[in-house]
């Protein structure tokens, strides 16, 4: 069904004559008549009927005119939404890990509420694998993900990735721990041989890093506990239930000591991922531009 014919029908319902509709839309009466006849054939029922020397809409025509009002408004909104030169408007759906949402996305949401109120952001917290799965099947527009330099994520030719920031990680242990090992990463890991470790319950990348360094040190770390929240990891460490990886520049609770990892170092790397070619959609491009402008800052500023 041609939207132009719906536009003619809607105008006919407003002005009440084919001549009047033609004048408003800058065409001829015969063109309006032809298009309305074609519309009748398309839907299989008359949309106009004779009324004196003119025509009027049939009940079916009036119902279709009401639908036309909604359809044409939606088409116009879609055109404005997709116009690369237009003012950004629309809903950007985002899934990502909590740190990037808090540090990178939430300031943007607050700023856009004032500068671009027609851009809405929907947020869902997910680990990278979950967010990327949603991105692949079109449920979201933007995924905030991470990997580690020692456990890099597999490349995907169907994605565009914007690096946001990276931050070093360390081994977190109770401060009262006797003989805390220090030195390069292998020395540190050897110093904690036999300890229980705390992994991530929703992302295997943390355990992959432990196993990479552990294998270099000649053993496999024993991951006894798993937690998604870094705060919970700290609670488990303070309870003496194990040790784990934490960001080196993240403020921690009293009683936790962060042991640096060097040679090799361990770095978490954060990204903003979109499906290839979709980043030019104005609302999404606006969010990506804001993310790029804020990239490079530490996600864990001093408190």
Foldseek 3Di string as FASTA:
>chain_A
DDLVLLQLLLLCQVPVFLCRSCVVVVHHSVVNVVSQVVVCVVVVHHQWDDDPPGIHGDPVVVVSNVVSVVVVVVVVVVCQQQPLPHQHADEAEEEEADLCCVQQPPVVQVVCVPVPVRYHYHYHYDAQVVRVVCQVVVVGFKYKYKAKPLGDDDDDPQKDKDWFAKFFKFKKAFPPDPPQFADAQLRRVVVQPPWEEEAAPRDCRQLSVQQVSQVVNPHRHHHDHHYHDPLVQLVCRQVVNGMYMDTPQADGDPRMDTHAHVPPTMMMIIIMMGGPPPCSRVSNVVSVVSSNVNGHDDSHDDD
